[in-house]
Amino acid sequence: MKFNKIVCVDNTKLNDEALDELQKLSDDEVEVYTDYPDSNEEIIERIGEAEAVIVSWHTELDEEIIKACSNLKYIGMACSLYDDESANVAVKFARQNGITVKGTKDYGDPGVAEFIISELIQLLNGYKGKQWEEMPRELTNLKVGIIGLGVTGQLLAECLMPFEADLFYFSRTRKPDWENKGVSYLPLNDLLEHCEVISFHLPKNAKTVGEEEFKKLGSGKILINTSLGLAFEVEYFQQWIKSDGNYAIFDGDGKKELSHDILSSKNIISQDASAGWSSQTLKRLSNKVLHNLKEYCEDH
């Protein structure tokens, strides 16, 4: 089957090859936007009578939008779909109304792991002027706690193993295979207290660390966040980062909810770019979005 029209409703970043393939699945010309809409009204206008829409994680498709776009049959997320609660699409409502929603995942993980290791090595050794401790440190025997042992967390653990870092994790579910590889499970508070470096790899809007947890984390630690959004309560982080020896590392996605005042702290290292965005990421993302759409067309 073909759709009457496909709309890339915001800057999905799909490559030219994928857009050419999308055209083969659409009767009308595929409409491609390269910015982000400011309102529901604008989103509804962009979608119009289209039966299929592709959307990045930057734009929310809520119930109001889905109701207004009565021709919709398919929503393709050019971003990860971990669960309904953290999604920027009203997934449950869409499916209840007969609309298929497909997300992508595991497309930018190698670059995220590279970013973390790169920034961590530079901070440990003072290569960019900021140094965690008085003497440079190796990754060897560094106590690293990974919160969320999904694909990215697992890849980070895999990358750190050759350096003989001491690896620990906390997750909603135990991972016996990874425990057998030497990544030890700890309850959250124990992990925060024991580990020198904490790296968050959680779905959007998953808040795990508040006032009591930051007390457990204490001083002389490094916090890393590359999740989509913050995995902790901002006000308590703001207090924590002022303590001696505490540092934090953020990529563009991980810092979006932090104010300029907070980011100006001398102990925060932040990048504007999203970790993991590369030519390989773009290709993997484009291929996976296209695969989902083709699979739907073949089944209908």
C-alpha atoms as a PDB file:
ATOM      1  CA  MET A   1       0.000   0.000   0.000  1.00  0.00           C
ATOM      2  CA  LYS A   2       0.881   3.688  -0.246  1.00  0.00           C
ATOM      3  CA  PHE A   3      -0.089   6.581   1.985  1.00  0.00           C
ATOM      4  CA  ASN A   4      -1.946   9.505   0.472  1.00  0.00           C
ATOM      5  CA  LYS A   5       0.740  11.796   1.929  1.00  0.00           C
ATOM      6  CA  ILE A   6       3.676  11.626   4.329  1.00  0.00           C
ATOM      7  CA  VAL A   7       4.752  14.654   6.385  1.00  0.00           C
ATOM      8  CA  CYS A   8       8.038  15.060   8.276  1.00  0.00           C
ATOM      9  CA  VAL A   9       6.484  17.479  10.733  1.00  0.00           C
ATOM     10  CA  ASP A  10       9.739  18.875  12.152  1.00  0.00           C
ATOM     11  CA  ASN A  11      13.497  18.490  11.749  1.00  0.00           C
ATOM     12  CA  THR A  12      13.651  14.690  11.808  1.00  0.00           C
ATOM     13  CA  LYS A  13      17.169  14.786  10.269  1.00  0.00           C
ATOM     14  CA  LEU A  14      16.415  11.913   7.896  1.00  0.00           C
ATOM     15  CA  ASN A  15      19.029  11.686   5.154  1.00  0.00           C
ATOM     16  CA  ASP A  16      18.322  12.263   1.457  1.00  0.00           C
ATOM     17  CA  GLU A  17      18.327   8.553   0.640  1.00  0.00           C
ATOM     18  CA  ALA A  18      15.575   7.882   3.192  1.00  0.00           C
ATOM     19  CA  LEU A  19      13.523  10.845   1.962  1.00  0.00           C
ATOM     20  CA  ASP A  20      13.758   9.511  -1.595  1.00  0.00           C
ATOM     21  CA  GLU A  21      12.519   6.124  -0.369  1.00  0.00           C
ATOM     22  CA  LEU A  22       9.682   7.791   1.565  1.00  0.00           C
ATOM     23  CA  GLN A  23       8.470   9.338  -1.674  1.00  0.00           C
ATOM     24  CA  LYS A  24       7.920   5.844  -3.092  1.00  0.00           C
ATOM     25  CA  LEU A  25       5.465   5.204  -0.258  1.00  0.00           C
ATOM     26  CA  SER A  26       3.462   8.433  -0.759  1.00  0.00           C
ATOM     27  CA  ASP A  27       1.011   9.430  -3.507  1.00  0.00           C
ATOM     28  CA  ASP A  28       1.510  13.147  -2.910  1.00  0.00           C
ATOM     29  CA  GLU A  29       4.883  14.793  -2.550  1.00  0.00           C
ATOM     30  CA  VAL A  30       6.448  14.172   0.854  1.00  0.00           C
ATOM     31  CA  GLU A  31       6.385  17.396   2.859  1.00  0.00           C
ATOM     32  CA  VAL A  32       9.609  17.925   4.801  1.00  0.00           C
ATOM     33  CA  TYR A  33      10.003  20.599   7.497  1.00  0.00           C
ATOM     34  CA  THR A  34      13.454  21.422   8.855  1.00  0.00           C
ATOM     35  CA  ASP A  35      12.447  23.503  11.877  1.00  0.00           C
ATOM     36  CA  TYR A  36      10.305  22.931  14.975  1.00  0.00           C
ATOM     37  CA  PRO A  37       6.663  24.091  15.200  1.00  0.00           C
ATOM     38  CA  ASP A  38       5.719  26.546  17.934  1.00  0.00           C
ATOM     39  CA  SER A  39       2.166  25.395  18.705  1.00  0.00           C
ATOM     40  CA  ASN A  40      -0.390  22.623  18.349  1.00  0.00           C
ATOM     41  CA  GLU A  41      -2.161  24.717  15.741  1.00  0.00           C
ATOM     42  CA  GLU A  42       0.954  24.846  13.614  1.00  0.00           C
ATOM     43  CA  ILE A  43       1.511  21.088  13.949  1.00  0.00           C
ATOM     44  CA  ILE A  44      -2.090  20.363  12.964  1.00  0.00           C
ATOM     45  CA  GLU A  45      -1.757  22.652   9.960  1.00  0.00           C
ATOM     46  CA  ARG A  46       1.440  20.937   8.871  1.00  0.00           C
ATOM     47  CA  ILE A  47      -0.054  17.449   9.108  1.00  0.00           C
ATOM     48  CA  GLY A  48      -3.298  18.415   7.388  1.00  0.00           C
ATOM     49  CA  GLU A  49      -4.935  15.423   5.669  1.00  0.00           C
ATOM     50  CA  ALA A  50      -1.778  13.272   5.699  1.00  0.00           C
ATOM     51  CA  GLU A  51      -2.084   9.625   6.664  1.00  0.00           C
ATOM     52  CA  ALA A  52       1.516   9.282   7.904  1.00  0.00           C
ATOM     53  CA  VAL A  53       3.719  11.594   9.927  1.00  0.00           C
ATOM     54  CA  ILE A  54       7.366  11.382  10.979  1.00  0.00           C
ATOM     55  CA  VAL A  55       8.359  13.323  14.117  1.00  0.00           C
ATOM     56  CA  SER A  56      11.539  13.876  16.135  1.00  0.00           C
ATOM     57  CA  TRP A  57      11.683  13.849  19.938  1.00  0.00           C
ATOM     58  CA  HIS A  58      11.614  17.679  19.998  1.00  0.00           C
ATOM     59  CA  THR A  59       7.926  17.932  19.033  1.00  0.00           C
ATOM     60  CA  GLU A  60       5.007  16.643  21.086  1.00  0.00           C
ATOM     61  CA  LEU A  61       2.050  14.984  19.389  1.00  0.00           C
ATOM     62  CA  ASP A  62      -0.585  15.018  22.113  1.00  0.00           C
ATOM     63  CA  GLU A  63      -4.207  13.852  22.157  1.00  0.00           C
ATOM     64  CA  GLU A  64      -5.489  17.194  20.854  1.00  0.00           C
ATOM     65  CA  ILE A  65      -3.313  16.925  17.753  1.00  0.00           C
ATOM     66  CA  ILE A  66      -4.138  13.283  17.116  1.00  0.00           C
ATOM     67  CA  LYS A  67      -7.876  14.002  17.451  1.00  0.00           C
ATOM     68  CA  ALA A  68      -7.653  16.891  14.999  1.00  0.00           C
ATOM     69  CA  CYS A  69      -5.738  14.897  12.375  1.00  0.00           C
ATOM     70  CA  SER A  70      -8.436  12.336  11.650  1.00  0.00           C
ATOM     71  CA  ASN A  71      -6.726  10.859   8.574  1.00  0.00           C
ATOM     72  CA  LEU A  72      -3.681   9.671  10.493  1.00  0.00           C
ATOM     73  CA  LYS A  73      -2.890   5.976  10.215  1.00  0.00           C
ATOM     74  CA  TYR A  74       0.778   5.952  11.118  1.00  0.00           C
ATOM     75  CA  ILE A  75       3.141   7.927  13.390  1.00  0.00           C
ATOM     76  CA  GLY A  76       6.839   7.238  12.935  1.00  0.00           C
ATOM     77  CA  MET A  77       9.096   8.499  15.699  1.00  0.00           C
ATOM     78  CA  ALA A  78      12.574   9.474  14.511  1.00  0.00           C
ATOM     79  CA  CYS A  79      13.687   8.935  18.088  1.00  0.00           C
ATOM     80  CA  SER A  80      13.616   6.257  20.759  1.00  0.00           C
ATOM     81  CA  LEU A  81      10.368   4.866  22.136  1.00  0.00           C
ATOM     82  CA  TYR A  82      11.230   3.422  25.547  1.00  0.00           C
ATOM     83  CA  ASP A  83       7.731   3.402  26.990  1.00  0.00           C
ATOM     84  CA  ASP A  84       4.413   5.261  26.681  1.00  0.00           C
ATOM     85  CA  GLU A  85       5.059   7.474  29.704  1.00  0.00           C
ATOM     86  CA  SER A  86       8.323   8.974  28.473  1.00  0.00           C
ATOM     87  CA  ALA A  87       7.275   9.328  24.814  1.00  0.00           C
ATOM     88  CA  ASN A  88       6.608  12.692  23.167  1.00  0.00           C
ATOM     89  CA  VAL A  89       3.665  11.050  21.380  1.00  0.00           C
ATOM     90  CA  ALA A  90       0.361  10.122  23.073  1.00  0.00           C
ATOM     91  CA  VAL A  91       1.086   6.494  22.179  1.00  0.00           C
ATOM     92  CA  LYS A  92      -1.726   4.812  24.058  1.00  0.00           C
ATOM     93  CA  PHE A  93      -4.360   7.251  22.777  1.00  0.00           C
ATOM     94  CA  ALA A  94      -3.110   6.894  19.198  1.00  0.00           C
ATOM     95  CA  ARG A  95      -3.218   3.098  19.314  1.00  0.00           C
ATOM     96  CA  GLN A  96      -6.671   3.144  20.869  1.00  0.00           C
ATOM     97  CA  ASN A  97      -7.754   5.088  17.800  1.00  0.00           C
ATOM     98  CA  GLY A  98      -6.277   2.613  15.356  1.00  0.00           C
ATOM     99  CA  ILE A  99      -3.086   4.549  14.640  1.00  0.00           C
ATOM    100  CA  THR A 100       0.170   2.602  14.520  1.00  0.00           C
ATOM    101  CA  VAL A 101       3.067   4.199  16.408  1.00  0.00           C
ATOM    102  CA  LYS A 102       6.610   3.021  15.810  1.00  0.00           C
ATOM    103  CA  GLY A 103       9.775   4.307  17.462  1.00  0.00           C
ATOM    104  CA  THR A 104      13.428   3.668  16.798  1.00  0.00           C
ATOM    105  CA  LYS A 105      16.240   2.859  19.187  1.00  0.00           C
ATOM    106  CA  ASP A 106      19.902   1.885  19.344  1.00  0.00           C
ATOM    107  CA  TYR A 107      21.042   4.316  16.657  1.00  0.00           C
ATOM    108  CA  GLY A 108      23.312   6.759  18.515  1.00  0.00           C
ATOM    109  CA  ASP A 109      24.679   4.658  21.368  1.00  0.00           C
ATOM    110  CA  PRO A 110      28.305   4.233  20.188  1.00  0.00           C
ATOM    111  CA  GLY A 111      28.785   7.993  19.957  1.00  0.00           C
ATOM    112  CA  VAL A 112      27.301   8.527  23.425  1.00  0.00           C
ATOM    113  CA  ALA A 113      29.765   6.065  24.948  1.00  0.00           C
ATOM    114  CA  GLU A 114      32.629   7.738  23.061  1.00  0.00           C
ATOM    115  CA  PHE A 115      31.551  11.165  24.359  1.00  0.00           C
ATOM    116  CA  ILE A 116      31.447   9.984  27.969  1.00  0.00           C
ATOM    117  CA  ILE A 117      34.848   8.304  27.852  1.00  0.00           C
ATOM    118  CA  SER A 118      36.412  11.252  26.017  1.00  0.00           C
ATOM    119  CA  GLU A 119      35.136  13.870  28.479  1.00  0.00           C
ATOM    120  CA  LEU A 120      35.899  11.663  31.465  1.00  0.00           C
ATOM    121  CA  ILE A 121      39.518  11.089  30.421  1.00  0.00           C
ATOM    122  CA  GLN A 122      40.029  14.816  29.841  1.00  0.00           C
ATOM    123  CA  LEU A 123      38.593  15.706  33.268  1.00  0.00           C
ATOM    124  CA  LEU A 124      40.565  12.994  35.056  1.00  0.00           C
ATOM    125  CA  ASN A 125      43.810  14.226  33.493  1.00  0.00           C
ATOM    126  CA  GLY A 126      43.179  17.975  33.279  1.00  0.00           C
ATOM    127  CA  TYR A 127      43.656  18.086  29.520  1.00  0.00           C
ATOM    128  CA  LYS A 128      41.240  21.014  29.132  1.00  0.00           C
ATOM    129  CA  GLY A 129      42.200  22.911  32.272  1.00  0.00           C
ATOM    130  CA  LYS A 130      39.714  21.283  34.666  1.00  0.00           C
ATOM    131  CA  GLN A 131      41.061  18.367  36.706  1.00  0.00           C
ATOM    132  CA  TRP A 132      39.013  16.307  39.124  1.00  0.00           C
ATOM    133  CA  GLU A 133      41.707  15.503  41.688  1.00  0.00           C
ATOM    134  CA  GLU A 134      45.107  16.988  42.510  1.00  0.00           C
ATOM    135  CA  MET A 135      46.905  14.208  40.633  1.00  0.00           C
ATOM    136  CA  PRO A 136      45.783  12.846  37.243  1.00  0.00           C
ATOM    137  CA  ARG A 137      43.790   9.609  37.377  1.00  0.00           C
ATOM    138  CA  GLU A 138      43.497   6.661  35.042  1.00  0.00           C
ATOM    139  CA  LEU A 139      40.269   4.847  34.300  1.00  0.00           C
ATOM    140  CA  THR A 140      41.873   1.801  35.944  1.00  0.00           C
ATOM    141  CA  ASN A 141      40.131   1.014  39.242  1.00  0.00           C
ATOM    142  CA  LEU A 142      37.848   4.041  38.873  1.00  0.00           C
ATOM    143  CA  LYS A 143      34.528   3.181  40.516  1.00  0.00           C
ATOM    144  CA  VAL A 144      31.900   3.865  37.857  1.00  0.00           C
ATOM    145  CA  GLY A 145      28.176   3.513  38.604  1.00  0.00           C
ATOM    146  CA  ILE A 146      25.802   3.189  35.671  1.00  0.00           C
ATOM    147  CA  ILE A 147      22.155   4.046  36.341  1.00  0.00           C
ATOM    148  CA  GLY A 148      20.076   2.340  33.655  1.00  0.00           C
ATOM    149  CA  LEU A 149      21.785  -0.671  32.074  1.00  0.00           C
ATOM    150  CA  GLY A 150      20.042  -0.562  28.708  1.00  0.00           C
ATOM    151  CA  VAL A 151      21.836  -0.524  25.370  1.00  0.00           C
ATOM    152  CA  THR A 152      23.844   2.660  26.022  1.00  0.00           C
ATOM    153  CA  GLY A 153      24.686   1.714  29.596  1.00  0.00           C
ATOM    154  CA  GLN A 154      25.814  -1.719  28.457  1.00  0.00           C
ATOM    155  CA  LEU A 155      27.953  -0.248  25.701  1.00  0.00           C
ATOM    156  CA  LEU A 156      29.601   2.131  28.167  1.00  0.00           C
ATOM    157  CA  ALA A 157      30.361  -0.793  30.480  1.00  0.00           C
ATOM    158  CA  GLU A 158      31.800  -2.758  27.545  1.00  0.00           C
ATOM    159  CA  CYS A 159      34.059   0.158  26.597  1.00  0.00           C
ATOM    160  CA  LEU A 160      35.360   0.576  30.153  1.00  0.00           C
ATOM    161  CA  MET A 161      36.146  -3.085  30.746  1.00  0.00           C
ATOM    162  CA  PRO A 162      39.510  -3.125  28.918  1.00  0.00           C
ATOM    163  CA  PHE A 163      40.668  -0.281  31.178  1.00  0.00           C
ATOM    164  CA  GLU A 164      39.800  -2.365  34.265  1.00  0.00           C
ATOM    165  CA  ALA A 165      37.463   0.205  35.775  1.00  0.00           C
ATOM    166  CA  ASP A 166      35.388  -1.093  38.695  1.00  0.00           C
ATOM    167  CA  LEU A 167      31.864  -1.243  37.268  1.00  0.00           C
ATOM    168  CA  PHE A 168      28.541  -1.130  39.110  1.00  0.00           C
ATOM    169  CA  TYR A 169      24.964  -0.638  37.994  1.00  0.00           C
ATOM    170  CA  PHE A 170      21.442   0.071  39.195  1.00  0.00           C
ATOM    171  CA  SER A 171      18.439  -0.826  37.048  1.00  0.00           C
ATOM    172  CA  ARG A 172      14.742  -1.606  37.469  1.00  0.00           C
ATOM    173  CA  THR A 173      15.562  -5.199  36.532  1.00  0.00           C
ATOM    174  CA  ARG A 174      18.645  -7.241  37.363  1.00  0.00           C
ATOM    175  CA  LYS A 175      20.990  -8.182  34.509  1.00  0.00           C
ATOM    176  CA  PRO A 176      22.552 -11.561  35.440  1.00  0.00           C
ATOM    177  CA  ASP A 177      24.500 -11.771  32.159  1.00  0.00           C
ATOM    178  CA  TRP A 178      26.238  -8.484  32.922  1.00  0.00           C
ATOM    179  CA  GLU A 179      26.830  -9.427  36.531  1.00  0.00           C
ATOM    180  CA  ASN A 180      28.621 -12.525  35.220  1.00  0.00           C
ATOM    181  CA  LYS A 181      30.795 -10.183  33.124  1.00  0.00           C
ATOM    182  CA  GLY A 182      31.850  -8.309  36.249  1.00  0.00           C
ATOM    183  CA  VAL A 183      29.356  -5.420  36.419  1.00  0.00           C
ATOM    184  CA  SER A 184      28.109  -5.574  40.005  1.00  0.00           C
ATOM    185  CA  TYR A 185      24.547  -4.683  41.002  1.00  0.00           C
ATOM    186  CA  LEU A 186      24.027  -2.207  43.847  1.00  0.00           C
ATOM    187  CA  PRO A 187      20.810  -0.661  45.199  1.00  0.00           C
ATOM    188  CA  LEU A 188      20.580   2.992  44.157  1.00  0.00           C
ATOM    189  CA  ASN A 189      21.679   4.596  47.442  1.00  0.00           C
ATOM    190  CA  ASP A 190      24.566   2.154  47.836  1.00  0.00           C
ATOM    191  CA  LEU A 191      25.703   2.831  44.281  1.00  0.00           C
ATOM    192  CA  LEU A 192      25.606   6.606  44.813  1.00  0.00           C
ATOM    193  CA  GLU A 193      27.570   6.307  48.039  1.00  0.00           C
ATOM    194  CA  HIS A 194      30.165   3.830  46.745  1.00  0.00           C
ATOM    195  CA  CYS A 195      30.924   5.035  43.214  1.00  0.00           C
ATOM    196  CA  GLU A 196      33.167   7.926  42.202  1.00  0.00           C
ATOM    197  CA  VAL A 197      31.507   8.458  38.816  1.00  0.00           C
ATOM    198  CA  ILE A 198      27.756   8.232  38.182  1.00  0.00           C
ATOM    199  CA  SER A 199      26.456   8.051  34.596  1.00  0.00           C
ATOM    200  CA  PHE A 200      22.719   8.301  33.880  1.00  0.00           C
ATOM    201  CA  HIS A 201      21.166   6.342  30.985  1.00  0.00           C
ATOM    202  CA  LEU A 202      17.447   6.670  31.550  1.00  0.00           C
ATOM    203  CA  PRO A 203      14.278   7.375  29.536  1.00  0.00           C
ATOM    204  CA  LYS A 204      13.075  10.949  29.236  1.00  0.00           C
ATOM    205  CA  ASN A 205      11.384  12.308  32.397  1.00  0.00           C
ATOM    206  CA  ALA A 206      12.736   9.525  34.633  1.00  0.00           C
ATOM    207  CA  LYS A 207      13.733  11.237  37.879  1.00  0.00           C
ATOM    208  CA  THR A 208      15.701   8.999  40.247  1.00  0.00           C
ATOM    209  CA  VAL A 209      17.855  11.321  42.356  1.00  0.00           C
ATOM    210  CA  GLY A 210      16.461  13.857  44.810  1.00  0.00           C
ATOM    211  CA  GLU A 211      17.502  15.432  48.094  1.00  0.00           C
ATOM    212  CA  GLU A 212      18.277  12.230  50.019  1.00  0.00           C
ATOM    213  CA  GLU A 213      20.071  10.652  47.078  1.00  0.00           C
ATOM    214  CA  PHE A 214      22.330  13.685  46.600  1.00  0.00           C
ATOM    215  CA  LYS A 215      23.240  13.432  50.281  1.00  0.00           C
ATOM    216  CA  LYS A 216      24.260   9.833  49.675  1.00  0.00           C
ATOM    217  CA  LEU A 217      26.267  10.878  46.628  1.00  0.00           C
ATOM    218  CA  GLY A 218      28.281  13.276  48.766  1.00  0.00           C
ATOM    219  CA  SER A 219      31.368  15.156  47.628  1.00  0.00           C
ATOM    220  CA  GLY A 220      34.357  14.417  45.433  1.00  0.00           C
ATOM    221  CA  LYS A 221      32.231  12.801  42.705  1.00  0.00           C
ATOM    222  CA  ILE A 222      31.602  13.130  38.962  1.00  0.00           C
ATOM    223  CA  LEU A 223      28.043  13.073  37.611  1.00  0.00           C
ATOM    224  CA  ILE A 224      27.379  12.475  33.891  1.00  0.00           C
ATOM    225  CA  ASN A 225      24.032  12.929  32.157  1.00  0.00           C
ATOM    226  CA  THR A 226      23.423  12.158  28.486  1.00  0.00           C
ATOM    227  CA  SER A 227      19.765  11.170  28.952  1.00  0.00           C
ATOM    228  CA  LEU A 228      17.006  13.100  27.166  1.00  0.00           C
ATOM    229  CA  GLY A 229      16.328  15.481  30.006  1.00  0.00           C
ATOM    230  CA  LEU A 230      17.419  15.476  33.622  1.00  0.00           C
ATOM    231  CA  ALA A 231      17.397  12.327  35.731  1.00  0.00           C
ATOM    232  CA  PHE A 232      17.560  14.307  38.979  1.00  0.00           C
ATOM    233  CA  GLU A 233      15.931  17.186  40.853  1.00  0.00           C
ATOM    234  CA  VAL A 234      17.536  20.462  39.754  1.00  0.00           C
ATOM    235  CA  GLU A 235      17.427  22.329  43.071  1.00  0.00           C
ATOM    236  CA  TYR A 236      19.354  19.594  44.896  1.00  0.00           C
ATOM    237  CA  PHE A 237      21.834  19.229  42.061  1.00  0.00           C
ATOM    238  CA  GLN A 238      22.470  22.975  42.275  1.00  0.00           C
ATOM    239  CA  GLN A 239      23.431  22.573  45.920  1.00  0.00           C
ATOM    240  CA  TRP A 240      25.498  19.453  45.260  1.00  0.00           C
ATOM    241  CA  ILE A 241      27.635  20.930  42.461  1.00  0.00           C
ATOM    242  CA  LYS A 242      28.872  23.640  44.829  1.00  0.00           C
ATOM    243  CA  SER A 243      30.606  21.082  47.062  1.00  0.00           C
ATOM    244  CA  ASP A 244      34.373  20.695  46.758  1.00  0.00           C
ATOM    245  CA  GLY A 245      35.516  18.173  44.194  1.00  0.00           C
ATOM    246  CA  ASN A 246      32.137  17.653  42.554  1.00  0.00           C
ATOM    247  CA  TYR A 247      31.976  17.856  38.764  1.00  0.00           C
ATOM    248  CA  ALA A 248      29.239  17.278  36.210  1.00  0.00           C
ATOM    249  CA  ILE A 249      29.393  16.487  32.488  1.00  0.00           C
ATOM    250  CA  PHE A 250      26.466  17.117  30.106  1.00  0.00           C
ATOM    251  CA  ASP A 251      25.880  16.839  26.393  1.00  0.00           C
ATOM    252  CA  GLY A 252      23.364  19.038  24.573  1.00  0.00           C
ATOM    253  CA  ASP A 253      20.385  16.808  25.346  1.00  0.00           C
ATOM    254  CA  GLY A 254      21.303  16.179  28.966  1.00  0.00           C
ATOM    255  CA  LYS A 255      21.591  19.867  29.874  1.00  0.00           C
ATOM    256  CA  LYS A 256      18.494  21.298  28.152  1.00  0.00           C
ATOM    257  CA  GLU A 257      16.541  21.848  31.386  1.00  0.00           C
ATOM    258  CA  LEU A 258      19.399  23.606  33.180  1.00  0.00           C
ATOM    259  CA  SER A 259      19.533  27.392  33.397  1.00  0.00           C
ATOM    260  CA  HIS A 260      22.459  29.457  32.174  1.00  0.00           C
ATOM    261  CA  ASP A 261      23.286  30.352  35.790  1.00  0.00           C
ATOM    262  CA  ILE A 262      23.666  26.703  36.738  1.00  0.00           C
ATOM    263  CA  LEU A 263      25.670  25.842  33.621  1.00  0.00           C
ATOM    264  CA  SER A 264      28.067  28.702  34.316  1.00  0.00           C
ATOM    265  CA  SER A 265      29.388  26.860  37.393  1.00  0.00           C
ATOM    266  CA  LYS A 266      33.157  26.312  37.085  1.00  0.00           C
ATOM    267  CA  ASN A 267      32.692  22.619  37.852  1.00  0.00           C
ATOM    268  CA  ILE A 268      30.245  21.897  35.028  1.00  0.00           C
ATOM    269  CA  ILE A 269      31.428  20.710  31.631  1.00  0.00           C
ATOM    270  CA  SER A 270      28.726  20.972  28.995  1.00  0.00           C
ATOM    271  CA  GLN A 271      28.562  20.649  25.243  1.00  0.00           C
ATOM    272  CA  ASP A 272      25.914  22.132  22.979  1.00  0.00           C
ATOM    273  CA  ALA A 273      25.912  19.159  20.608  1.00  0.00           C
ATOM    274  CA  SER A 274      23.981  15.975  21.299  1.00  0.00           C
ATOM    275  CA  ALA A 275      26.351  13.147  22.130  1.00  0.00           C
ATOM    276  CA  GLY A 276      26.354  10.424  19.563  1.00  0.00           C
ATOM    277  CA  TRP A 277      25.236  12.491  16.580  1.00  0.00           C
ATOM    278  CA  SER A 278      27.425  11.455  13.650  1.00  0.00           C
ATOM    279  CA  SER A 279      27.205  10.380  10.024  1.00  0.00           C
ATOM    280  CA  GLN A 280      26.800   6.796  11.218  1.00  0.00           C
ATOM    281  CA  THR A 281      24.032   7.818  13.634  1.00  0.00           C
ATOM    282  CA  LEU A 282      22.184   9.629  10.848  1.00  0.00           C
ATOM    283  CA  LYS A 283      22.375   6.586   8.610  1.00  0.00           C
ATOM    284  CA  ARG A 284      21.210   4.167  11.305  1.00  0.00           C
ATOM    285  CA  LEU A 285      18.326   6.467  12.321  1.00  0.00           C
ATOM    286  CA  SER A 286      17.195   7.005   8.730  1.00  0.00           C
ATOM    287  CA  ASN A 287      17.351   3.299   7.911  1.00  0.00           C
ATOM    288  CA  LYS A 288      15.362   2.310  10.992  1.00  0.00           C
ATOM    289  CA  VAL A 289      12.617   4.906  10.454  1.00  0.00           C
ATOM    290  CA  LEU A 290      12.322   3.798   6.839  1.00  0.00           C
ATOM    291  CA  HIS A 291      12.293   0.108   7.762  1.00  0.00           C
ATOM    292  CA  ASN A 292       9.391   0.639  10.191  1.00  0.00           C
ATOM    293  CA  LEU A 293       7.376   2.491   7.546  1.00  0.00           C
ATOM    294  CA  LYS A 294       8.024  -0.106   4.821  1.00  0.00           C
ATOM    295  CA  GLU A 295       7.082  -2.889   7.195  1.00  0.00           C
ATOM    296  CA  TYR A 296       3.749  -1.188   7.905  1.00  0.00           C
ATOM    297  CA  CYS A 297       3.038  -0.753   4.180  1.00  0.00           C
ATOM    298  CA  GLU A 298       3.846  -4.408   3.500  1.00  0.00           C
ATOM    299  CA  ASP A 299       1.444  -5.537   6.237  1.00  0.00           C
ATOM    300  CA  HIS A 300      -1.469  -3.386   5.047  1.00  0.00           C
END
